[in-house]
């Protein structure tokens, strides 16, 4: 679920820049970006995962302007099972 506000969120220092995203996105796609079951932007999920790793916080402490922690956790598990990390 995306934040309800239409304005863009303030970027975190852990967010990927456009060049980084273009480089790593093809490796992270386990399903099409517009797959119906995808409820959050894959880039935002990746940004949330980077936030967790960078800050060392718990899953449940993901800021509210990023995707829900459950979505981030589930996608991180999929990436680990696919041996991407």
C-alpha atoms as a PDB file:
ATOM      1  CA  UNK A   1       0.000   0.000   0.000  1.00  0.00           C
ATOM      2  CA  UNK A   2       1.409   3.374  -1.025  1.00  0.00           C
ATOM      3  CA  UNK A   3       1.189   6.383   1.253  1.00  0.00           C
ATOM      4  CA  UNK A   4      -2.158   8.121   0.742  1.00  0.00           C
ATOM      5  CA  UNK A   5      -0.644  11.518  -0.024  1.00  0.00           C
ATOM      6  CA  UNK A   6      -0.094  12.398  -3.678  1.00  0.00           C
ATOM      7  CA  UNK A   7       2.976  14.488  -2.942  1.00  0.00           C
ATOM      8  CA  UNK A   8       6.364  12.762  -3.196  1.00  0.00           C
ATOM      9  CA  UNK A   9       7.939  11.728   0.073  1.00  0.00           C
ATOM     10  CA  UNK A  10      11.168  13.224   1.355  1.00  0.00           C
ATOM     11  CA  UNK A  11      14.096  11.081   0.251  1.00  0.00           C
ATOM     12  CA  UNK A  12      16.220   9.182   2.769  1.00  0.00           C
ATOM     13  CA  UNK A  13      19.991   9.040   2.408  1.00  0.00           C
ATOM     14  CA  UNK A  14      19.630   5.277   1.961  1.00  0.00           C
ATOM     15  CA  UNK A  15      17.376   5.634  -1.133  1.00  0.00           C
ATOM     16  CA  UNK A  16      18.760   4.415  -4.437  1.00  0.00           C
ATOM     17  CA  UNK A  17      19.529   7.062  -7.025  1.00  0.00           C
ATOM     18  CA  UNK A  18      18.227   6.643 -10.569  1.00  0.00           C
ATOM     19  CA  UNK A  19      21.536   5.243 -11.874  1.00  0.00           C
ATOM     20  CA  UNK A  20      21.736   2.659  -9.064  1.00  0.00           C
ATOM     21  CA  UNK A  21      18.123   1.644  -9.662  1.00  0.00           C
ATOM     22  CA  UNK A  22      18.665   1.216 -13.422  1.00  0.00           C
ATOM     23  CA  UNK A  23      21.634  -1.028 -12.631  1.00  0.00           C
ATOM     24  CA  UNK A  24      20.001  -3.289 -10.036  1.00  0.00           C
ATOM     25  CA  UNK A  25      16.336  -3.357 -11.126  1.00  0.00           C
ATOM     26  CA  UNK A  26      16.740  -6.126 -13.748  1.00  0.00           C
ATOM     27  CA  UNK A  27      18.270  -8.406 -11.114  1.00  0.00           C
ATOM     28  CA  UNK A  28      15.483  -7.762  -8.595  1.00  0.00           C
ATOM     29  CA  UNK A  29      12.533  -8.447 -10.872  1.00  0.00           C
ATOM     30  CA  UNK A  30      11.145 -11.835  -9.888  1.00  0.00           C
ATOM     31  CA  UNK A  31       7.842 -10.931 -11.537  1.00  0.00           C
ATOM     32  CA  UNK A  32       6.757  -8.143 -13.841  1.00  0.00           C
ATOM     33  CA  UNK A  33       6.792  -4.669 -12.298  1.00  0.00           C
ATOM     34  CA  UNK A  34       3.080  -4.289 -13.101  1.00  0.00           C
ATOM     35  CA  UNK A  35       2.052  -7.744 -11.804  1.00  0.00           C
ATOM     36  CA  UNK A  36      -1.428  -7.557 -10.254  1.00  0.00           C
ATOM     37  CA  UNK A  37      -0.275  -8.951  -6.900  1.00  0.00           C
ATOM     38  CA  UNK A  38       2.329  -6.220  -6.503  1.00  0.00           C
ATOM     39  CA  UNK A  39       0.798  -3.673  -4.148  1.00  0.00           C
ATOM     40  CA  UNK A  40       3.867  -1.462  -3.740  1.00  0.00           C
ATOM     41  CA  UNK A  41       6.500   0.007  -5.986  1.00  0.00           C
ATOM     42  CA  UNK A  42       9.460  -2.381  -6.157  1.00  0.00           C
ATOM     43  CA  UNK A  43      11.832   0.566  -5.931  1.00  0.00           C
ATOM     44  CA  UNK A  44      10.133   1.745  -2.721  1.00  0.00           C
ATOM     45  CA  UNK A  45      10.356  -1.784  -1.263  1.00  0.00           C
ATOM     46  CA  UNK A  46      14.062  -1.841  -2.115  1.00  0.00           C
ATOM     47  CA  UNK A  47      14.486   1.629  -0.577  1.00  0.00           C
ATOM     48  CA  UNK A  48      12.796   0.383   2.608  1.00  0.00           C
ATOM     49  CA  UNK A  49      15.104  -2.641   2.742  1.00  0.00           C
ATOM     50  CA  UNK A  50      18.127  -0.386   2.298  1.00  0.00           C
ATOM     51  CA  UNK A  51      16.782   1.837   5.092  1.00  0.00           C
ATOM     52  CA  UNK A  52      16.555  -1.164   7.436  1.00  0.00           C
ATOM     53  CA  UNK A  53      20.074  -2.321   6.593  1.00  0.00           C
ATOM     54  CA  UNK A  54      21.552   1.169   6.803  1.00  0.00           C
ATOM     55  CA  UNK A  55      19.870   2.100  10.105  1.00  0.00           C
ATOM     56  CA  UNK A  56      19.935  -1.331  11.701  1.00  0.00           C
ATOM     57  CA  UNK A  57      16.314  -0.980  12.743  1.00  0.00           C
ATOM     58  CA  UNK A  58      13.741  -3.707  13.259  1.00  0.00           C
ATOM     59  CA  UNK A  59      11.295  -4.641  10.497  1.00  0.00           C
ATOM     60  CA  UNK A  60       8.383  -3.089  12.367  1.00  0.00           C
ATOM     61  CA  UNK A  61      10.210   0.227  12.644  1.00  0.00           C
ATOM     62  CA  UNK A  62      10.131   1.016   8.920  1.00  0.00           C
ATOM     63  CA  UNK A  63       8.937   4.627   8.574  1.00  0.00           C
ATOM     64  CA  UNK A  64       5.288   5.022   7.642  1.00  0.00           C
ATOM     65  CA  UNK A  65       6.062   6.815   4.390  1.00  0.00           C
ATOM     66  CA  UNK A  66       7.728   3.646   3.047  1.00  0.00           C
ATOM     67  CA  UNK A  67       5.816   0.448   2.177  1.00  0.00           C
ATOM     68  CA  UNK A  68       4.482  -1.604   5.101  1.00  0.00           C
ATOM     69  CA  UNK A  69       7.142  -3.669   6.852  1.00  0.00           C
ATOM     70  CA  UNK A  70       5.291  -6.908   6.012  1.00  0.00           C
ATOM     71  CA  UNK A  71       5.600  -6.209   2.276  1.00  0.00           C
ATOM     72  CA  UNK A  72       9.284  -5.374   2.628  1.00  0.00           C
ATOM     73  CA  UNK A  73       9.947  -8.499   4.702  1.00  0.00           C
ATOM     74  CA  UNK A  74       8.098 -10.793   2.272  1.00  0.00           C
ATOM     75  CA  UNK A  75       9.924  -9.381  -0.743  1.00  0.00           C
ATOM     76  CA  UNK A  76      13.287  -9.630   1.033  1.00  0.00           C
ATOM     77  CA  UNK A  77      12.541 -13.305   1.744  1.00  0.00           C
ATOM     78  CA  UNK A  78      11.748 -13.881  -1.948  1.00  0.00           C
ATOM     79  CA  UNK A  79      15.013 -12.221  -2.973  1.00  0.00           C
ATOM     80  CA  UNK A  80      16.989 -14.327  -0.485  1.00  0.00           C
ATOM     81  CA  UNK A  81      15.316 -17.568  -1.662  1.00  0.00           C
ATOM     82  CA  UNK A  82      16.218 -16.602  -5.239  1.00  0.00           C
ATOM     83  CA  UNK A  83      19.860 -16.150  -4.032  1.00  0.00           C
ATOM     84  CA  UNK A  84      19.974 -12.490  -5.042  1.00  0.00           C
ATOM     85  CA  UNK A  85      21.594 -11.527  -1.735  1.00  0.00           C
END
